[in-house]
Protein backbone atom coordinates (compact mmCIF):
# COMPACT_ATOMS: atom_id res chain seq x y z
CA UNK A 1 0.00 0.00 0.00
CA UNK A 2 1.30 3.43 -0.86
CA UNK A 3 2.37 5.73 1.96
CA UNK A 4 -0.50 8.14 1.42
CA UNK A 5 -3.26 5.56 0.86
CA UNK A 6 -6.39 6.06 2.97
CA UNK A 7 -6.64 3.83 6.02
CA UNK A 8 -8.79 0.72 5.79
CA UNK A 9 -12.29 1.55 7.10
CA UNK A 10 -13.82 -0.12 10.15
CA UNK A 11 -15.72 -3.43 9.83
CA UNK A 12 -19.52 -3.51 10.11
CA UNK A 13 -20.99 -3.75 13.61
CA UNK A 14 -21.93 -7.41 13.41
CA UNK A 15 -23.38 -7.26 16.91
CA UNK A 16 -25.60 -4.26 16.26
CA UNK A 17 -27.17 -2.38 13.37
CA UNK A 18 -26.37 -4.21 10.15
CA UNK A 19 -28.42 -6.14 7.59
CA UNK A 20 -27.90 -9.49 9.33
CA UNK A 21 -29.41 -8.04 12.50
CA UNK A 22 -32.74 -7.18 10.87
CA UNK A 23 -34.50 -10.55 11.06
CA UNK A 24 -33.27 -11.42 14.58
CA UNK A 25 -34.29 -7.90 15.59
CA UNK A 26 -37.80 -8.34 14.18
CA UNK A 27 -38.12 -11.67 15.99
CA UNK A 28 -36.90 -10.25 19.32
CA UNK A 29 -39.02 -8.88 22.16
CA UNK A 30 -38.47 -6.02 22.51
CA UNK A 31 -37.22 -5.12 19.07
CA UNK A 32 -33.94 -3.16 19.04
CA UNK A 33 -34.01 0.63 19.05
CA UNK A 34 -31.99 0.89 15.82
CA UNK A 35 -34.91 -0.47 13.79
CA UNK A 36 -37.18 2.31 12.49
CA UNK A 37 -40.03 2.94 14.96
CA UNK A 38 -42.58 1.87 12.35
CA UNK A 39 -41.01 -1.59 12.16
CA UNK A 40 -40.59 -1.84 15.94
CA UNK A 41 -44.29 -1.28 16.57
CA UNK A 42 -46.00 -3.07 13.67
CA UNK A 43 -48.06 -6.24 14.10
CA UNK A 44 -46.79 -7.59 10.78
CA UNK A 45 -43.69 -6.75 8.73
CA UNK A 46 -42.85 -7.25 5.08
CA UNK A 47 -39.07 -7.21 4.59
CA UNK A 48 -38.35 -6.09 1.03
CA UNK A 49 -34.79 -6.51 -0.22
CA UNK A 50 -33.91 -4.40 -3.28
CA UNK A 51 -30.75 -6.02 -4.60
CA UNK A 52 -28.07 -3.44 -5.33
CA UNK A 53 -29.94 -0.38 -4.00
CA UNK A 54 -27.16 1.40 -2.12
CA UNK A 55 -27.75 4.32 0.22
CA UNK A 56 -25.69 6.59 -2.02
CA UNK A 57 -28.11 6.03 -4.91
CA UNK A 58 -31.10 6.81 -2.69
CA UNK A 59 -29.51 9.98 -1.37
CA UNK A 60 -28.33 11.22 -4.77
CA UNK A 61 -31.76 10.76 -6.38
CA UNK A 62 -34.17 11.60 -3.58
CA UNK A 63 -36.19 13.97 -5.75
CA UNK A 64 -36.93 11.18 -8.25
CA UNK A 65 -37.66 8.56 -5.57
CA UNK A 66 -40.74 10.07 -3.90
CA UNK A 67 -41.72 6.98 -1.94
CA UNK A 68 -38.34 5.97 -0.56
CA UNK A 69 -37.48 9.60 0.18
CA UNK A 70 -40.44 9.98 2.55
CA UNK A 71 -40.02 6.71 4.46
CA UNK A 72 -38.62 6.70 8.00
CA UNK A 73 -35.12 5.43 8.74
CA UNK A 74 -31.62 5.83 7.38
CA UNK A 75 -28.55 3.83 6.44
CA UNK A 76 -26.95 0.72 7.91
CA UNK A 77 -24.01 -1.47 6.91
CA UNK A 78 -24.29 -4.59 4.84
CA UNK A 79 -21.95 -7.58 5.14
CA UNK A 80 -18.41 -8.00 3.80
CA UNK A 81 -17.78 -8.74 1.00
CA UNK A 82 -20.47 -6.31 -0.18
CA UNK A 83 -22.05 -8.73 -2.60
CA UNK A 84 -25.27 -10.64 -3.20
CA UNK A 85 -24.26 -14.13 -2.09
CA UNK A 86 -22.90 -12.86 1.21
CA UNK A 87 -25.52 -10.18 1.89
CA UNK A 88 -28.61 -12.24 1.15
CA UNK A 89 -27.28 -15.12 3.22
CA UNK A 90 -26.61 -12.81 6.17
CA UNK A 91 -30.09 -11.27 5.89
CA UNK A 92 -31.77 -14.68 5.79
CA UNK A 93 -29.70 -16.44 8.46
CA UNK A 94 -29.01 -13.48 10.72
CA UNK A 95 -25.35 -14.56 10.79
CA UNK A 96 -22.10 -12.81 9.89
CA UNK A 97 -20.16 -14.20 6.92
CA UNK A 98 -17.61 -15.93 9.16
CA UNK A 99 -20.45 -18.08 10.50
CA UNK A 100 -22.45 -18.89 7.37
CA UNK A 101 -19.38 -19.21 5.17
CA UNK A 102 -20.61 -17.76 1.85
CA UNK A 103 -17.75 -15.27 1.60
CA UNK A 104 -18.50 -13.86 -1.82
CA UNK A 105 -19.52 -14.71 -5.36
CA UNK A 106 -16.67 -17.21 -5.75
CA UNK A 107 -15.31 -19.28 -2.86
CA UNK A 108 -13.07 -22.33 -2.76
CA UNK A 109 -14.90 -25.39 -1.51
CA UNK A 110 -13.41 -28.87 -1.56
CA UNK A 111 -10.44 -27.75 -3.64
CA UNK A 112 -12.52 -26.08 -6.38
CA UNK A 113 -13.71 -22.51 -6.81
CA UNK A 114 -17.51 -22.42 -6.56
CA UNK A 115 -19.53 -19.65 -8.20
CA UNK A 116 -22.20 -19.43 -5.54
CA UNK A 117 -25.02 -17.75 -7.48
CA UNK A 118 -24.84 -20.34 -10.27
CA UNK A 119 -23.82 -23.09 -7.84
CA UNK A 120 -21.28 -24.29 -10.39
CA UNK A 121 -17.52 -24.49 -10.21
CA UNK A 122 -15.26 -22.36 -12.38
CA UNK A 123 -14.72 -25.55 -14.37
CA UNK A 124 -18.47 -25.91 -14.98
CA UNK A 125 -19.24 -28.75 -12.58
CA UNK A 126 -22.31 -28.78 -10.34
CA UNK A 127 -21.58 -27.55 -6.83
CA UNK A 128 -21.74 -29.65 -3.67
CA UNK A 129 -24.87 -30.23 -1.60
CA UNK A 130 -25.86 -26.72 -0.41
CA UNK A 131 -26.32 -27.74 3.23
CA UNK A 132 -22.72 -28.92 3.41
CA UNK A 133 -21.52 -25.44 2.40
CA UNK A 134 -24.02 -23.34 4.38
CA UNK A 135 -25.62 -25.49 7.12
CA UNK A 136 -27.65 -22.89 9.03
CA UNK A 137 -31.44 -22.48 8.72
CA UNK A 138 -32.95 -19.23 7.53
CA UNK A 139 -35.15 -16.89 9.57
CA UNK A 140 -34.32 -18.50 12.89
CA UNK A 141 -35.93 -21.76 11.83
CA UNK A 142 -39.35 -20.14 11.34
CA UNK A 143 -41.38 -20.93 8.21
CA UNK A 144 -41.33 -17.49 6.58
CA UNK A 145 -42.92 -17.03 3.14
CA UNK A 146 -40.25 -16.12 0.57
CA UNK A 147 -41.58 -14.07 -2.34
CA UNK A 148 -38.80 -14.23 -4.90
CA UNK A 149 -38.31 -15.05 -8.56
CA UNK A 150 -39.99 -18.31 -9.57
CA UNK A 151 -36.88 -19.49 -11.43
CA UNK A 152 -34.91 -19.47 -8.17
CA UNK A 153 -36.90 -22.40 -6.81
CA UNK A 154 -34.68 -25.42 -6.22
CA UNK A 155 -31.42 -23.71 -7.21
CA UNK A 156 -28.29 -24.40 -5.22
CA UNK A 157 -27.95 -20.87 -3.92
CA UNK A 158 -31.61 -20.69 -2.87
CA UNK A 159 -31.25 -23.99 -1.05
CA UNK A 160 -28.11 -22.66 0.62
CA UNK A 161 -29.43 -19.33 1.91
CA UNK A 162 -33.22 -19.76 2.13
CA UNK A 163 -33.39 -23.21 3.68
CA UNK A 164 -36.58 -23.82 5.65
CA UNK A 165 -38.78 -21.10 4.16
CA UNK A 166 -41.68 -21.52 1.74
CA UNK A 167 -40.81 -20.09 -1.67
CA UNK A 168 -43.62 -18.24 -3.44
CA UNK A 169 -42.47 -17.45 -6.97
CA UNK A 170 -43.13 -14.35 -9.07
CA UNK A 171 -42.39 -13.50 -12.69
CA UNK A 172 -43.72 -9.93 -12.76
CA UNK A 173 -43.71 -7.24 -10.09
CA UNK A 174 -47.50 -7.13 -10.10
CA UNK A 175 -47.52 -10.78 -9.05
CA UNK A 176 -44.89 -10.03 -6.39
CA UNK A 177 -47.16 -7.37 -4.89
CA UNK A 178 -50.24 -9.59 -5.00
CA UNK A 179 -48.44 -12.51 -3.38
CA UNK A 180 -47.27 -10.24 -0.57
CA UNK A 181 -50.76 -8.82 -0.08
CA UNK A 182 -52.32 -12.27 0.21
CA UNK A 183 -49.67 -13.57 2.60
CA UNK A 184 -50.19 -10.60 4.91
CA UNK A 185 -53.93 -11.14 4.69
CA UNK A 186 -53.32 -14.69 5.96
CA UNK A 187 -51.66 -13.25 9.08
CA UNK A 188 -48.03 -14.19 8.49
CA UNK A 189 -46.07 -12.07 10.98
CA UNK A 190 -43.08 -11.75 8.64
CA UNK A 191 -42.99 -11.95 4.84
CA UNK A 192 -39.75 -11.74 2.82
CA UNK A 193 -39.82 -10.17 -0.65
CA UNK A 194 -36.87 -9.93 -3.03
CA UNK A 195 -36.42 -7.82 -6.17
CA UNK A 196 -33.23 -7.88 -8.25
CA UNK A 197 -33.87 -5.34 -11.01
CA UNK A 198 -31.62 -2.56 -9.69
CA UNK A 199 -28.58 -4.83 -9.50
CA UNK A 200 -29.15 -6.30 -12.96
CA UNK A 201 -29.54 -2.92 -14.67
CA UNK A 202 -26.54 -1.47 -12.84
CA UNK A 203 -24.26 -4.31 -13.93
CA UNK A 204 -25.38 -4.10 -17.55
CA UNK A 205 -25.61 -0.35 -18.07
CA UNK A 206 -23.70 1.28 -15.24
CA UNK A 207 -24.86 4.10 -13.01
CA UNK A 208 -24.51 7.19 -15.20
CA UNK A 209 -27.29 6.93 -17.74
CA UNK A 210 -31.04 6.87 -18.13
CA UNK A 211 -31.33 3.12 -17.72
CA UNK A 212 -30.20 3.15 -14.10
CA UNK A 213 -32.31 6.19 -13.28
CA UNK A 214 -35.36 4.54 -14.86
CA UNK A 215 -34.79 1.34 -12.89
CA UNK A 216 -34.46 3.21 -9.61
CA UNK A 217 -37.75 4.95 -10.34
CA UNK A 218 -39.35 1.59 -11.13
CA UNK A 219 -38.10 0.18 -7.82
CA UNK A 220 -39.56 3.20 -6.04
CA UNK A 221 -42.92 2.54 -7.72
CA UNK A 222 -42.72 -1.09 -6.59
CA UNK A 223 -42.28 0.11 -3.01
CA UNK A 224 -45.26 2.45 -3.46
CA UNK A 225 -47.37 -0.43 -4.84
CA UNK A 226 -46.46 -2.60 -1.86
CA UNK A 227 -47.41 0.14 0.60
CA UNK A 228 -50.72 0.64 -1.19
CA UNK A 229 -51.46 -3.09 -1.00
CA UNK A 230 -50.69 -3.51 2.71
CA UNK A 231 -53.05 -2.81 5.62
CA UNK A 232 -52.23 -0.04 8.06
CA UNK A 233 -51.23 -2.50 10.78
CA UNK A 234 -48.42 -3.84 8.56
CA UNK A 235 -45.01 -2.20 8.09
CA UNK A 236 -42.95 -2.40 4.93
CA UNK A 237 -39.23 -2.48 5.77
CA UNK A 238 -36.92 -1.84 2.81
CA UNK A 239 -33.23 -2.70 2.73
CA UNK A 240 -30.55 -3.96 0.32
CA UNK A 241 -27.65 -6.38 0.20
CA UNK A 242 -25.03 -3.90 -1.12
CA UNK A 243 -24.50 -0.74 -3.12
CA UNK A 244 -22.72 -0.12 -6.43
CA UNK A 245 -19.62 1.52 -7.94
CA UNK A 246 -19.42 2.55 -11.61
CA UNK A 247 -16.26 1.43 -13.43
CA UNK A 248 -15.29 2.64 -16.89
CA UNK A 249 -13.46 0.39 -19.33
CA UNK A 250 -10.08 1.85 -18.37
CA UNK A 251 -10.66 0.88 -14.75
CA UNK A 252 -10.95 -2.83 -15.52
CA UNK A 253 -7.53 -4.11 -14.54
CA UNK A 254 -6.00 -7.44 -15.51
CA UNK A 255 -3.79 -9.26 -13.05
CA UNK A 256 -0.99 -10.25 -15.41
CA UNK A 257 1.65 -8.56 -13.25
CA UNK A 258 1.14 -11.01 -10.38
CA UNK A 259 -0.22 -14.03 -12.30
CA UNK A 260 3.02 -15.97 -11.92
CA UNK A 261 2.54 -16.08 -8.15
CA UNK A 262 -1.13 -17.15 -8.30
CA UNK A 263 -2.61 -20.65 -8.49
CA UNK A 264 -6.33 -19.74 -8.33
CA UNK A 265 -8.66 -16.73 -8.19
CA UNK A 266 -11.77 -16.31 -6.04
CA UNK A 267 -13.99 -13.50 -4.77
CA UNK A 268 -15.18 -10.91 -7.28
CA UNK A 269 -13.86 -8.00 -9.25
CA UNK A 270 -13.75 -5.46 -6.38
CA UNK A 271 -12.91 -8.02 -3.70
CA UNK A 272 -10.56 -10.28 -5.62
CA UNK A 273 -8.81 -12.92 -3.59
CA UNK A 274 -5.73 -14.73 -4.85
CA UNK A 275 -4.38 -18.13 -3.87
CA UNK A 276 -0.59 -17.98 -3.77
CA UNK A 277 1.87 -20.57 -4.96
CA UNK A 278 3.19 -22.69 -2.11
CA UNK A 279 5.34 -20.53 0.15
CA UNK A 280 4.72 -17.37 -1.89
CA UNK A 281 2.05 -15.59 0.16
CA UNK A 282 4.41 -12.85 1.36
CA UNK A 283 5.83 -12.35 -2.13
CA UNK A 284 2.33 -12.15 -3.60
CA UNK A 285 1.18 -9.60 -1.02
CA UNK A 286 4.25 -7.44 -1.68
CA UNK A 287 3.80 -7.69 -5.45
CA UNK A 288 0.12 -6.72 -5.14
CA UNK A 289 0.95 -3.72 -2.97
CA UNK A 290 3.58 -2.61 -5.46
CA UNK A 291 1.31 -3.04 -8.49
CA UNK A 292 -2.10 -2.07 -7.12
CA UNK A 293 -1.58 -0.32 -3.78
CA UNK A 294 -2.45 3.06 -5.29
CA UNK A 295 -6.01 1.93 -6.14
CA UNK A 296 -6.74 -0.85 -3.63
CA UNK A 297 -6.30 -1.97 -0.06
CA UNK A 298 -4.17 -5.13 -0.09
CA UNK A 299 -4.81 -7.43 2.87
CA UNK A 300 -3.87 -11.01 3.62
CA UNK A 301 -6.42 -13.62 4.61
CA UNK A 302 -5.25 -13.43 8.22
CA UNK A 303 -5.58 -9.64 8.27
CA UNK A 304 -9.16 -9.87 7.01
CA UNK A 305 -10.28 -12.51 9.47
CA UNK A 306 -8.30 -11.25 12.45
CA UNK A 307 -9.50 -7.71 11.74
CA UNK A 308 -13.12 -8.79 12.12
CA UNK A 309 -14.22 -8.06 8.57
CA UNK A 310 -16.26 -11.25 8.34
CA UNK A 311 -17.29 -11.43 11.97
CA UNK A 312 -15.89 -13.62 14.74
CA UNK A 313 -15.01 -17.27 15.14
CA UNK A 314 -14.50 -18.50 11.57
CA UNK A 315 -13.60 -22.16 11.28
CA UNK A 316 -10.49 -23.29 9.45
CA UNK A 317 -12.75 -24.53 6.65
CA UNK A 318 -14.38 -21.12 6.22
CA UNK A 319 -11.04 -19.31 6.38
CA UNK A 320 -9.82 -21.39 3.46
CA UNK A 321 -12.68 -20.25 1.23
CA UNK A 322 -10.91 -17.02 0.29
CA UNK A 323 -7.44 -16.60 -1.12
CA UNK A 324 -4.19 -15.86 0.69
CA UNK A 325 -4.18 -12.23 -0.49
CA UNK A 326 -7.11 -9.92 -1.24
CA UNK A 327 -7.34 -6.88 -3.51
CA UNK A 328 -10.06 -4.61 -2.13
CA UNK A 329 -10.73 -1.89 -4.67
CA UNK A 330 -10.57 1.61 -3.23
CA UNK A 331 -10.86 3.65 -6.44
CA UNK A 332 -13.25 3.11 -9.36
CA UNK A 333 -11.50 -0.03 -10.58
CA UNK A 334 -12.27 -3.73 -10.92
CA UNK A 335 -9.81 -6.62 -11.00
CA UNK A 336 -10.69 -8.95 -13.86
CA UNK A 337 -9.53 -12.53 -13.41
CA UNK A 338 -9.37 -15.67 -15.56
CA UNK A 339 -12.45 -17.86 -15.19
CA UNK A 340 -14.87 -14.94 -14.84
CA UNK A 341 -15.52 -13.80 -18.43
CA UNK A 342 -18.71 -11.84 -17.73
CA UNK A 343 -16.90 -9.42 -15.44
CA UNK A 344 -15.22 -7.67 -18.35
CA UNK A 345 -18.65 -6.85 -19.81
CA UNK A 346 -20.07 -5.28 -16.66
CA UNK A 347 -20.36 -1.54 -16.04
CA UNK A 348 -20.87 -1.45 -12.28
CA UNK A 349 -19.44 -3.61 -9.53
CA UNK A 350 -19.46 -4.13 -5.78
CA UNK A 351 -17.71 -6.19 -3.14
CA UNK A 352 -15.26 -3.80 -1.51
CA UNK A 353 -15.29 -1.56 1.56
CA UNK A 354 -16.19 1.88 0.20
CA UNK A 355 -19.21 3.65 1.62
CA UNK A 356 -21.00 3.45 -1.74
CA UNK A 357 -20.84 -0.36 -1.50
CA UNK A 358 -21.15 -0.86 2.26
CA UNK A 359 -23.98 1.51 3.19
CA UNK A 360 -27.55 0.47 2.35
CA UNK A 361 -31.00 1.79 3.29
CA UNK A 362 -33.16 0.64 6.16
CA UNK A 363 -36.44 2.45 5.56
CA UNK A 364 -39.94 1.75 6.84
CA UNK A 365 -43.51 2.84 6.31
CA UNK A 366 -46.98 1.62 7.26
CA UNK A 367 -49.29 0.19 4.63
CA UNK A 368 -51.93 2.53 3.30
CA UNK A 369 -54.69 0.16 2.16
CA UNK A 370 -58.06 1.12 3.62
CA UNK A 371 -59.02 -2.38 4.73
């Protein structure tokens, strides 16, 4: 790391206000004071996760997000890495990444790098039984209805992070809203709803054009539709799994400089972890600091775990799921690695420790339906 590089930020407060604390907080009596008052007092709660909706995007576009802008609450931290596989698993299980073990988009399991969202290895093989990778139940073992995309039913990642819930599939947002309305009508105390449009549009088009703005507005309308469908006794609680960082083509960096010291790549483009050749961890860390220290924090596996970035008490198995050295992007760059061809096509990324990636909304409002 260069002499004038900004200090590494502080880890999330895994014992307090963070996305993994939401579900345990809602199931506690009394509910913690850091939850918005609306959610603390409501008889029923719908937890809506807007994938990729960072707090920075909400703040920068408040005038075009009329529903989110008027809801009560503020920002909290997500999990580290700031990515879907880790964040959604922490929300569902209530556990920090060190406990549930899904430490990013790509983790090494059983000697192979597993792409968790596809539940396939980098070599294309089907992943292991999900419960052997992430053994913890979701939602404290309660049978919570899970309103998510219909095509996610039975996938490896769904089985890994939503184990024990009842999946109710949707293919359009109108169906999402109607499913939620009916489940609340049937007196479920907690309903989980998931929407992934913001993240998809951000990855494909980036953050600085009309596509992203239009998608944010559509997500805001979805929130408004949910509020209009819910009775006044029910609270809608909106959060996200991570934020986003825009990266231009020139910021997509190859790792050729250090490739000779690397045996495998894991993580993701803004939280790239590298497995060193035998006995070369120190050399790899030094080479990464020399080559990339002006745009990234370079930390070893031990520094990440011992510094509390994933939470406490990781097993040796979990510690081995990330590489020996990690490149945590600080500037608007992404580290493109072999085995991840789609990364070079993307326009926005996440995973690292910047506020734009780490801070997400926690906003609440009561339903407005008359009955």
